[in-house]
C-alpha atoms as a PDB file:
ATOM      1  CA  MET A   1       0.000   0.000   0.000  1.00  0.00           C
ATOM      2  CA  ASN A   2       1.262   3.435  -0.927  1.00  0.00           C
ATOM      3  CA  GLU A   3       0.224   6.725   0.640  1.00  0.00           C
ATOM      4  CA  LYS A   4      -0.202   9.824  -1.437  1.00  0.00           C
ATOM      5  CA  ILE A   5      -0.890  13.356  -0.210  1.00  0.00           C
ATOM      6  CA  VAL A   6      -3.935  14.884  -1.902  1.00  0.00           C
ATOM      7  CA  TRP A   7      -4.377  18.630  -1.423  1.00  0.00           C
ATOM      8  CA  HIS A   8      -7.890  20.043  -0.868  1.00  0.00           C
ATOM      9  CA  LYS A   9      -8.730  23.732  -1.013  1.00  0.00           C
ATOM     10  CA  ILE A  10     -10.668  24.772   2.093  1.00  0.00           C
ATOM     11  CA  SER A  11     -10.905  28.543   1.643  1.00  0.00           C
ATOM     12  CA  GLU A  12      -9.789  31.513  -0.400  1.00  0.00           C
ATOM     13  CA  SER A  13      -7.809  32.911   2.564  1.00  0.00           C
ATOM     14  CA  ARG A  14      -7.173  32.422   6.287  1.00  0.00           C
ATOM     15  CA  HIS A  15      -9.400  35.447   7.000  1.00  0.00           C
ATOM     16  CA  GLU A  16     -12.336  33.595   5.441  1.00  0.00           C
ATOM     17  CA  LEU A  17     -11.820  30.716   7.910  1.00  0.00           C
ATOM     18  CA  PHE A  18     -11.873  32.638  11.179  1.00  0.00           C
ATOM     19  CA  SER A  19     -14.897  34.758  12.040  1.00  0.00           C
ATOM     20  CA  ASP A  20     -13.721  35.506  15.571  1.00  0.00           C
ATOM     21  CA  SER A  21     -10.489  35.952  17.491  1.00  0.00           C
ATOM     22  CA  GLN A  22     -10.635  32.478  19.080  1.00  0.00           C
ATOM     23  CA  GLY A  23      -8.313  31.117  16.387  1.00  0.00           C
ATOM     24  CA  LEU A  24     -10.111  27.761  16.059  1.00  0.00           C
ATOM     25  CA  THR A  25     -12.594  26.619  13.439  1.00  0.00           C
ATOM     26  CA  GLU A  26     -13.872  23.388  11.922  1.00  0.00           C
ATOM     27  CA  VAL A  27     -14.153  22.460   8.246  1.00  0.00           C
ATOM     28  CA  ALA A  28     -15.299  19.417   6.277  1.00  0.00           C
ATOM     29  CA  VAL A  29     -12.675  18.074   3.877  1.00  0.00           C
ATOM     30  CA  ASN A  30     -13.181  15.030   1.674  1.00  0.00           C
ATOM     31  CA  GLY A  31     -15.541  13.375   4.158  1.00  0.00           C
ATOM     32  CA  ARG A  32     -13.470  14.287   7.224  1.00  0.00           C
ATOM     33  CA  GLU A  33     -14.014  16.907   9.877  1.00  0.00           C
ATOM     34  CA  ILE A  34     -10.850  18.888  10.549  1.00  0.00           C
ATOM     35  CA  CYS A  35     -10.055  21.544  13.142  1.00  0.00           C
ATOM     36  CA  ILE A  36      -8.022  24.475  11.844  1.00  0.00           C
ATOM     37  CA  SER A  37      -6.113  26.698  14.250  1.00  0.00           C
ATOM     38  CA  VAL A  38      -3.985  29.780  13.878  1.00  0.00           C
ATOM     39  CA  ILE A  39      -1.257  30.128  16.506  1.00  0.00           C
ATOM     40  CA  ASN A  40       1.375  32.835  16.347  1.00  0.00           C
ATOM     41  CA  GLU A  41       0.225  33.621  12.790  1.00  0.00           C
ATOM     42  CA  LYS A  42       0.809  30.011  11.623  1.00  0.00           C
ATOM     43  CA  LEU A  43      -1.964  27.654  10.489  1.00  0.00           C
ATOM     44  CA  TYR A  44      -2.320  24.109  11.820  1.00  0.00           C
ATOM     45  CA  ALA A  45      -4.789  21.311  11.034  1.00  0.00           C
ATOM     46  CA  CYS A  46      -5.832  18.381  13.224  1.00  0.00           C
ATOM     47  CA  ALA A  47      -8.709  15.964  13.775  1.00  0.00           C
ATOM     48  CA  ALA A  48     -11.922  17.736  14.780  1.00  0.00           C
ATOM     49  CA  LYS A  49     -12.617  15.332  17.665  1.00  0.00           C
ATOM     50  CA  CYS A  50     -10.500  14.612  20.720  1.00  0.00           C
ATOM     51  CA  PRO A  51      -9.310  10.971  20.710  1.00  0.00           C
ATOM     52  CA  HIS A  52     -10.283  10.605  24.382  1.00  0.00           C
ATOM     53  CA  ALA A  53     -14.017  11.356  24.508  1.00  0.00           C
ATOM     54  CA  GLY A  54     -14.841  13.000  21.187  1.00  0.00           C
ATOM     55  CA  GLY A  55     -14.887  16.629  22.319  1.00  0.00           C
ATOM     56  CA  ARG A  56     -14.973  19.139  19.462  1.00  0.00           C
ATOM     57  CA  MET A  57     -11.486  20.638  19.387  1.00  0.00           C
ATOM     58  CA  ALA A  58     -12.757  23.862  17.760  1.00  0.00           C
ATOM     59  CA  GLU A  59     -14.856  24.432  20.906  1.00  0.00           C
ATOM     60  CA  GLY A  60     -11.708  24.284  23.048  1.00  0.00           C
ATOM     61  CA  TYR A  61      -8.939  26.828  23.209  1.00  0.00           C
ATOM     62  CA  VAL A  62      -5.224  27.339  22.672  1.00  0.00           C
ATOM     63  CA  ASP A  63      -3.185  27.558  25.874  1.00  0.00           C
ATOM     64  CA  PRO A  64      -0.299  30.027  26.405  1.00  0.00           C
ATOM     65  CA  LEU A  65       2.204  27.365  25.275  1.00  0.00           C
ATOM     66  CA  GLY A  66       0.428  26.931  21.918  1.00  0.00           C
ATOM     67  CA  ASN A  67      -1.255  23.601  22.673  1.00  0.00           C
ATOM     68  CA  ILE A  68      -4.823  22.945  21.599  1.00  0.00           C
ATOM     69  CA  VAL A  69      -6.989  22.046  24.609  1.00  0.00           C
ATOM     70  CA  CYS A  70     -10.076  19.826  24.463  1.00  0.00           C
ATOM     71  CA  PRO A  71     -13.198  21.491  25.914  1.00  0.00           C
ATOM     72  CA  LEU A  72     -14.419  18.344  27.726  1.00  0.00           C
ATOM     73  CA  HIS A  73     -11.569  17.189  29.952  1.00  0.00           C
ATOM     74  CA  ARG A  74      -8.864  19.762  29.167  1.00  0.00           C
ATOM     75  CA  TYR A  75      -6.505  17.273  27.532  1.00  0.00           C
ATOM     76  CA  LYS A  76      -3.747  19.203  25.745  1.00  0.00           C
ATOM     77  CA  PHE A  77      -2.199  18.371  22.381  1.00  0.00           C
ATOM     78  CA  SER A  78       0.710  19.757  20.386  1.00  0.00           C
ATOM     79  CA  VAL A  79      -0.643  21.242  17.153  1.00  0.00           C
ATOM     80  CA  GLU A  80       2.667  20.450  15.463  1.00  0.00           C
ATOM     81  CA  ASN A  81       2.735  16.677  15.985  1.00  0.00           C
ATOM     82  CA  GLY A  82      -0.515  15.705  17.767  1.00  0.00           C
ATOM     83  CA  ARG A  83       1.216  14.391  20.885  1.00  0.00           C
ATOM     84  CA  ASN A  84      -0.685  14.621  24.120  1.00  0.00           C
ATOM     85  CA  THR A  85       1.206  17.058  26.357  1.00  0.00           C
ATOM     86  CA  SER A  86      -0.810  16.643  29.553  1.00  0.00           C
ATOM     87  CA  GLY A  87       0.259  13.036  30.159  1.00  0.00           C
ATOM     88  CA  GLU A  88      -2.766  10.907  29.252  1.00  0.00           C
ATOM     89  CA  GLY A  89      -1.056   9.238  26.267  1.00  0.00           C
ATOM     90  CA  TYR A  90      -3.569  10.026  23.522  1.00  0.00           C
ATOM     91  CA  PHE A  91      -2.593  11.139  20.018  1.00  0.00           C
ATOM     92  CA  LEU A  92      -4.468  13.720  17.930  1.00  0.00           C
ATOM     93  CA  LYS A  93      -4.210  13.195  14.163  1.00  0.00           C
ATOM     94  CA  THR A  94      -2.579  16.161  12.422  1.00  0.00           C
ATOM     95  CA  PHE A  95      -2.713  17.162   8.768  1.00  0.00           C
ATOM     96  CA  LEU A  96      -0.522  19.224   6.479  1.00  0.00           C
ATOM     97  CA  ILE A  97      -1.818  22.721   5.748  1.00  0.00           C
ATOM     98  CA  GLU A  98      -0.514  25.342   3.342  1.00  0.00           C
ATOM     99  CA  GLU A  99      -1.356  28.904   2.467  1.00  0.00           C
ATOM    100  CA  ARG A 100      -0.886  29.569  -1.216  1.00  0.00           C
ATOM    101  CA  LYS A 101      -1.789  32.493  -3.431  1.00  0.00           C
ATOM    102  CA  GLU A 102      -4.760  30.381  -4.644  1.00  0.00           C
ATOM    103  CA  GLY A 103      -6.050  29.866  -1.086  1.00  0.00           C
ATOM    104  CA  VAL A 104      -5.664  27.601   1.947  1.00  0.00           C
ATOM    105  CA  PHE A 105      -5.142  23.878   1.328  1.00  0.00           C
ATOM    106  CA  VAL A 106      -5.157  20.810   3.595  1.00  0.00           C
ATOM    107  CA  GLY A 107      -3.145  17.725   2.623  1.00  0.00           C
ATOM    108  CA  ILE A 108      -4.750  14.374   3.373  1.00  0.00           C
ATOM    109  CA  GLU A 109      -2.991  11.039   3.026  1.00  0.00           C
ATOM    110  CA  GLU A 110      -4.895   8.676   0.796  1.00  0.00           C
ATOM    111  CA  LYS A 111      -3.931   5.033   0.698  1.00  0.00           C
ATOM    112  CA  LYS A 112      -3.574   3.313  -2.619  1.00  0.00           C
ATOM    113  CA  GLY A 113      -3.401  -0.393  -3.009  1.00  0.00           C
ATOM    114  CA  LEU A 114      -1.282  -2.407  -5.369  1.00  0.00           C
ATOM    115  CA  PHE A 115      -1.298  -0.997  -8.917  1.00  0.00           C
ATOM    116  CA  GLY A 116      -2.790   2.335  -7.697  1.00  0.00           C
ATOM    117  CA  LEU A 117      -6.247   0.856  -6.966  1.00  0.00           C
END
């Protein structure tokens, strides 16, 4: 099985994504729900639901260290690599995200079987 990154346009600009100063929003991309955050002027993308109890990450907040915090039980995750930083051992799926002149794109790994099927 091979993995290929497929890029999906999610908006024309970062300003279109964020309607408030919270810096967290949720988008649907190719059948997946993804949380987008802006921290220190950089965009990050991760799974929309906390791996612990399914809390909506976009309803949480970003702590002073730049970790995304789940609204249910306050589990903290690195937006850079998805590692749980508060010690519970969970992992939050992260995605590639790029700002281009054409807009904002999220890269999702798609698995291909033998012979590209």
